PDB file of N, CA and C in Angstrom:
ATOM      1  N   UNK A   1      22.558  -9.903  22.669  1.00  0.00           N
ATOM      2  CA  UNK A   1      21.167  -9.875  22.273  1.00  0.00           C
ATOM      3  C   UNK A   1      21.086  -9.627  20.763  1.00  0.00           C
ATOM      4  N   UNK A   2      20.201 -10.348  20.118  1.00  0.00           N
ATOM      5  CA  UNK A   2      19.980 -10.228  18.687  1.00  0.00           C
ATOM      6  C   UNK A   2      18.806  -9.277  18.448  1.00  0.00           C
ATOM      7  N   UNK A   3      18.902  -8.441  17.446  1.00  0.00           N
ATOM      8  CA  UNK A   3      17.764  -7.595  17.055  1.00  0.00           C
ATOM      9  C   UNK A   3      16.852  -8.404  16.148  1.00  0.00           C
ATOM     10  N   UNK A   4      15.562  -8.362  16.422  1.00  0.00           N
ATOM     11  CA  UNK A   4      14.590  -9.121  15.653  1.00  0.00           C
ATOM     12  C   UNK A   4      13.676  -8.183  14.889  1.00  0.00           C
ATOM     13  N   UNK A   5      13.309  -8.587  13.698  1.00  0.00           N
ATOM     14  CA  UNK A   5      12.265  -7.908  12.946  1.00  0.00           C
ATOM     15  C   UNK A   5      11.049  -8.821  12.988  1.00  0.00           C
ATOM     16  N   UNK A   6       9.954  -8.330  13.525  1.00  0.00           N
ATOM     17  CA  UNK A   6       8.746  -9.132  13.668  1.00  0.00           C
ATOM     18  C   UNK A   6       7.842  -8.878  12.465  1.00  0.00           C
ATOM     19  N   UNK A   7       7.465  -9.969  11.784  1.00  0.00           N
ATOM     20  CA  UNK A   7       6.624  -9.880  10.597  1.00  0.00           C
ATOM     21  C   UNK A   7       5.542 -10.943  10.710  1.00  0.00           C
ATOM     22  N   UNK A   8       4.314 -10.566  10.431  1.00  0.00           N
ATOM     23  CA  UNK A   8       3.224 -11.532  10.396  1.00  0.00           C
ATOM     24  C   UNK A   8       2.856 -11.753   8.940  1.00  0.00           C
ATOM     25  N   UNK A   9       2.983 -13.006   8.487  1.00  0.00           N
ATOM     26  CA  UNK A   9       2.679 -13.300   7.094  1.00  0.00           C
ATOM     27  C   UNK A   9       2.313 -14.767   6.926  1.00  0.00           C
ATOM     28  N   UNK A  10       1.723 -15.077   5.807  1.00  0.00           N
ATOM     29  CA  UNK A  10       1.368 -16.449   5.475  1.00  0.00           C
ATOM     30  C   UNK A  10       2.613 -17.158   4.944  1.00  0.00           C
ATOM     31  N   UNK A  11       2.821 -18.395   5.398  1.00  0.00           N
ATOM     32  CA  UNK A  11       3.967 -19.181   4.925  1.00  0.00           C
ATOM     33  C   UNK A  11       3.488 -20.555   4.469  1.00  0.00           C
ATOM     34  N   UNK A  12       4.309 -21.218   3.695  1.00  0.00           N
ATOM     35  CA  UNK A  12       3.957 -22.534   3.160  1.00  0.00           C
ATOM     36  C   UNK A  12       4.565 -23.642   4.032  1.00  0.00           C
ATOM     37  N   UNK A  13       4.065 -24.861   3.919  1.00  0.00           N
ATOM     38  CA  UNK A  13       4.682 -25.980   4.624  1.00  0.00           C
ATOM     39  C   UNK A  13       6.156 -26.162   4.245  1.00  0.00           C
ATOM     40  N   UNK A  14       6.502 -25.880   3.000  1.00  0.00           N
ATOM     41  CA  UNK A  14       7.897 -25.967   2.560  1.00  0.00           C
ATOM     42  C   UNK A  14       8.775 -24.995   3.347  1.00  0.00           C
ATOM     43  N   UNK A  15       8.283 -23.770   3.557  1.00  0.00           N
ATOM     44  CA  UNK A  15       9.036 -22.787   4.329  1.00  0.00           C
ATOM     45  C   UNK A  15       9.194 -23.216   5.787  1.00  0.00           C
ATOM     46  N   UNK A  16       8.189 -23.865   6.339  1.00  0.00           N
ATOM     47  CA  UNK A  16       8.292 -24.380   7.708  1.00  0.00           C
ATOM     48  C   UNK A  16       9.424 -25.400   7.819  1.00  0.00           C
ATOM     49  N   UNK A  17       9.542 -26.253   6.833  1.00  0.00           N
ATOM     50  CA  UNK A  17      10.585 -27.277   6.870  1.00  0.00           C
ATOM     51  C   UNK A  17      11.972 -26.696   6.635  1.00  0.00           C
ATOM     52  N   UNK A  18      12.081 -25.551   6.006  1.00  0.00           N
ATOM     53  CA  UNK A  18      13.375 -24.903   5.788  1.00  0.00           C
ATOM     54  C   UNK A  18      13.799 -24.039   6.981  1.00  0.00           C
ATOM     55  N   UNK A  19      12.889 -23.751   7.890  1.00  0.00           N
ATOM     56  CA  UNK A  19      13.170 -22.846   9.007  1.00  0.00           C
ATOM     57  C   UNK A  19      14.145 -23.463  10.009  1.00  0.00           C
ATOM     58  N   UNK A  20      14.891 -22.597  10.699  1.00  0.00           N
ATOM     59  CA  UNK A  20      15.779 -23.031  11.773  1.00  0.00           C
ATOM     60  C   UNK A  20      15.008 -23.215  13.075  1.00  0.00           C
ATOM     61  N   UNK A  21      13.951 -22.434  13.226  1.00  0.00           N
ATOM     62  CA  UNK A  21      13.167 -22.462  14.456  1.00  0.00           C
ATOM     63  C   UNK A  21      11.746 -22.015  14.155  1.00  0.00           C
ATOM     64  N   UNK A  22      10.791 -22.600  14.890  1.00  0.00           N
ATOM     65  CA  UNK A  22       9.386 -22.226  14.737  1.00  0.00           C
ATOM     66  C   UNK A  22       8.801 -22.011  16.128  1.00  0.00           C
ATOM     67  N   UNK A  23       8.032 -20.948  16.262  1.00  0.00           N
ATOM     68  CA  UNK A  23       7.292 -20.747  17.499  1.00  0.00           C
ATOM     69  C   UNK A  23       6.016 -19.987  17.191  1.00  0.00           C
ATOM     70  N   UNK A  24       5.049 -20.101  18.088  1.00  0.00           N
ATOM     71  CA  UNK A  24       3.799 -19.369  17.948  1.00  0.00           C
ATOM     72  C   UNK A  24       3.694 -18.384  19.106  1.00  0.00           C
ATOM     73  N   UNK A  25       2.900 -17.359  18.900  1.00  0.00           N
ATOM     74  CA  UNK A  25       2.652 -16.390  19.969  1.00  0.00           C
ATOM     75  C   UNK A  25       1.168 -16.069  20.005  1.00  0.00           C
ATOM     76  N   UNK A  26       0.687 -15.799  21.205  1.00  0.00           N
ATOM     77  CA  UNK A  26      -0.659 -15.259  21.387  1.00  0.00           C
ATOM     78  C   UNK A  26      -0.771 -14.678  22.795  1.00  0.00           C
ATOM     79  N   UNK A  27      -1.853 -13.984  23.050  1.00  0.00           N
ATOM     80  CA  UNK A  27      -2.028 -13.290  24.325  1.00  0.00           C
ATOM     81  C   UNK A  27      -2.175 -14.267  25.486  1.00  0.00           C
ATOM     82  N   UNK A  28      -2.841 -15.360  25.283  1.00  0.00           N
ATOM     83  CA  UNK A  28      -3.114 -16.308  26.365  1.00  0.00           C
ATOM     84  C   UNK A  28      -1.875 -17.126  26.736  1.00  0.00           C
ATOM     85  N   UNK A  29      -1.239 -17.755  25.766  1.00  0.00           N
ATOM     86  CA  UNK A  29      -0.128 -18.679  26.042  1.00  0.00           C
ATOM     87  C   UNK A  29       1.247 -18.052  25.881  1.00  0.00           C
ATOM     88  N   UNK A  30       1.330 -16.845  25.341  1.00  0.00           N
ATOM     89  CA  UNK A  30       2.632 -16.197  25.165  1.00  0.00           C
ATOM     90  C   UNK A  30       3.402 -16.798  24.000  1.00  0.00           C
ATOM     91  N   UNK A  31       4.681 -17.079  24.230  1.00  0.00           N
ATOM     92  CA  UNK A  31       5.550 -17.644  23.192  1.00  0.00           C
ATOM     93  C   UNK A  31       5.701 -19.140  23.437  1.00  0.00           C
ATOM     94  N   UNK A  32       5.376 -19.937  22.437  1.00  0.00           N
ATOM     95  CA  UNK A  32       5.495 -21.388  22.557  1.00  0.00           C
ATOM     96  C   UNK A  32       6.358 -21.939  21.430  1.00  0.00           C
ATOM     97  N   UNK A  33       7.417 -22.628  21.801  1.00  0.00           N
ATOM     98  CA  UNK A  33       8.290 -23.263  20.811  1.00  0.00           C
ATOM     99  C   UNK A  33       7.601 -24.466  20.186  1.00  0.00           C
ATOM    100  N   UNK A  34       7.894 -24.682  18.933  1.00  0.00           N
ATOM    101  CA  UNK A  34       7.458 -25.894  18.249  1.00  0.00           C
ATOM    102  C   UNK A  34       8.730 -26.700  18.011  1.00  0.00           C
ATOM    103  N   UNK A  35       8.802 -27.846  18.642  1.00  0.00           N
ATOM    104  CA  UNK A  35      10.051 -28.612  18.609  1.00  0.00           C
ATOM    105  C   UNK A  35      10.172 -29.530  17.394  1.00  0.00           C
ATOM    106  N   UNK A  36       9.030 -29.889  16.775  1.00  0.00           N
ATOM    107  CA  UNK A  36       9.082 -30.811  15.644  1.00  0.00           C
ATOM    108  C   UNK A  36       7.914 -30.554  14.702  1.00  0.00           C
ATOM    109  N   UNK A  37       8.213 -30.573  13.409  1.00  0.00           N
ATOM    110  CA  UNK A  37       7.187 -30.488  12.368  1.00  0.00           C
ATOM    111  C   UNK A  37       7.538 -31.531  11.329  1.00  0.00           C
ATOM    112  N   UNK A  38       6.603 -32.442  11.098  1.00  0.00           N
ATOM    113  CA  UNK A  38       6.865 -33.611  10.262  1.00  0.00           C
ATOM    114  C   UNK A  38       8.097 -34.326  10.811  1.00  0.00           C
ATOM    115  N   UNK A  39       9.150 -34.481  10.039  1.00  0.00           N
ATOM    116  CA  UNK A  39      10.322 -35.213  10.538  1.00  0.00           C
ATOM    117  C   UNK A  39      11.442 -34.301  11.012  1.00  0.00           C
ATOM    118  N   UNK A  40      11.269 -32.990  10.897  1.00  0.00           N
ATOM    119  CA  UNK A  40      12.335 -32.059  11.261  1.00  0.00           C
ATOM    120  C   UNK A  40      12.189 -31.583  12.703  1.00  0.00           C
ATOM    121  N   UNK A  41      13.310 -31.530  13.404  1.00  0.00           N
ATOM    122  CA  UNK A  41      13.342 -31.008  14.770  1.00  0.00           C
ATOM    123  C   UNK A  41      13.955 -29.615  14.755  1.00  0.00           C
ATOM    124  N   UNK A  42      13.462 -28.749  15.648  1.00  0.00           N
ATOM    125  CA  UNK A  42      13.869 -27.351  15.672  1.00  0.00           C
ATOM    126  C   UNK A  42      14.483 -26.973  17.020  1.00  0.00           C
ATOM    127  N   UNK A  43      15.338 -25.952  16.980  1.00  0.00           N
ATOM    128  CA  UNK A  43      15.917 -25.423  18.218  1.00  0.00           C
ATOM    129  C   UNK A  43      14.895 -24.530  18.913  1.00  0.00           C
ATOM    130  N   UNK A  44      15.226 -24.088  20.114  1.00  0.00           N
ATOM    131  CA  UNK A  44      14.341 -23.206  20.879  1.00  0.00           C
ATOM    132  C   UNK A  44      15.055 -21.931  21.318  1.00  0.00           C
ATOM    133  N   UNK A  45      16.185 -21.646  20.723  1.00  0.00           N
ATOM    134  CA  UNK A  45      17.027 -20.539  21.172  1.00  0.00           C
ATOM    135  C   UNK A  45      16.346 -19.175  21.067  1.00  0.00           C
ATOM    136  N   UNK A  46      15.813 -18.830  19.918  1.00  0.00           N
ATOM    137  CA  UNK A  46      15.197 -17.514  19.723  1.00  0.00           C
ATOM    138  C   UNK A  46      13.949 -17.358  20.589  1.00  0.00           C
ATOM    139  N   UNK A  47      13.125 -18.396  20.650  1.00  0.00           N
ATOM    140  CA  UNK A  47      11.909 -18.325  21.466  1.00  0.00           C
ATOM    141  C   UNK A  47      12.254 -18.128  22.936  1.00  0.00           C
ATOM    142  N   UNK A  48      13.280 -18.824  23.402  1.00  0.00           N
ATOM    143  CA  UNK A  48      13.709 -18.673  24.788  1.00  0.00           C
ATOM    144  C   UNK A  48      14.215 -17.255  25.046  1.00  0.00           C
ATOM    145  N   UNK A  49      15.000 -16.723  24.122  1.00  0.00           N
ATOM    146  CA  UNK A  49      15.518 -15.362  24.281  1.00  0.00           C
ATOM    147  C   UNK A  49      14.384 -14.339  24.239  1.00  0.00           C
ATOM    148  N   UNK A  50      13.448 -14.496  23.318  1.00  0.00           N
ATOM    149  CA  UNK A  50      12.323 -13.563  23.228  1.00  0.00           C
ATOM    150  C   UNK A  50      11.459 -13.607  24.483  1.00  0.00           C
ATOM    151  N   UNK A  51      11.226 -14.791  25.013  1.00  0.00           N
ATOM    152  CA  UNK A  51      10.446 -14.927  26.240  1.00  0.00           C
ATOM    153  C   UNK A  51      11.150 -14.237  27.404  1.00  0.00           C
ATOM    154  N   UNK A  52      12.451 -14.402  27.485  1.00  0.00           N
ATOM    155  CA  UNK A  52      13.234 -13.737  28.523  1.00  0.00           C
ATOM    156  C   UNK A  52      13.148 -12.212  28.396  1.00  0.00           C
ATOM    157  N   UNK A  53      13.265 -11.697  27.176  1.00  0.00           N
ATOM    158  CA  UNK A  53      13.160 -10.252  26.953  1.00  0.00           C
ATOM    159  C   UNK A  53      11.768  -9.729  27.309  1.00  0.00           C
ATOM    160  N   UNK A  54      10.744 -10.496  26.979  1.00  0.00           N
ATOM    161  CA  UNK A  54       9.385 -10.117  27.303  1.00  0.00           C
ATOM    162  C   UNK A  54       9.180 -10.045  28.811  1.00  0.00           C
ATOM    163  N   UNK A  55       9.649 -11.047  29.524  1.00  0.00           N
ATOM    164  CA  UNK A  55       9.522 -11.064  30.984  1.00  0.00           C
ATOM    165  C   UNK A  55      10.279  -9.898  31.607  1.00  0.00           C
ATOM    166  N   UNK A  56      11.430  -9.582  31.047  1.00  0.00           N
ATOM    167  CA  UNK A  56      12.254  -8.464  31.515  1.00  0.00           C
ATOM    168  C   UNK A  56      11.487  -7.144  31.396  1.00  0.00           C
ATOM    169  N   UNK A  57      10.770  -6.975  30.295  1.00  0.00           N
ATOM    170  CA  UNK A  57      10.000  -5.743  30.066  1.00  0.00           C
ATOM    171  C   UNK A  57       8.772  -5.666  30.963  1.00  0.00           C
ATOM    172  N   UNK A  58       8.183  -6.818  31.256  1.00  0.00           N
ATOM    173  CA  UNK A  58       6.951  -6.843  32.060  1.00  0.00           C
ATOM    174  C   UNK A  58       7.213  -6.678  33.554  1.00  0.00           C
ATOM    175  N   UNK A  59       8.348  -7.193  34.029  1.00  0.00           N
ATOM    176  CA  UNK A  59       8.589  -7.184  35.477  1.00  0.00           C
ATOM    177  C   UNK A  59       9.739  -6.350  35.814  1.00  0.00           C
TER     178      UNK A  59
END
């Protein structure tokens, strides 16, 4: 398991394209992976792990 630091901040489109992975979170939909932004495709590893950890804590 990887330790994560959660930070909420404003980012630029350039930073999105440099990222290894992108996902969104909210109360209604939970954690949602973003698989593609413009021409770049992203992995879903961290989002999948975070969702698993969240479910583990809830149930």
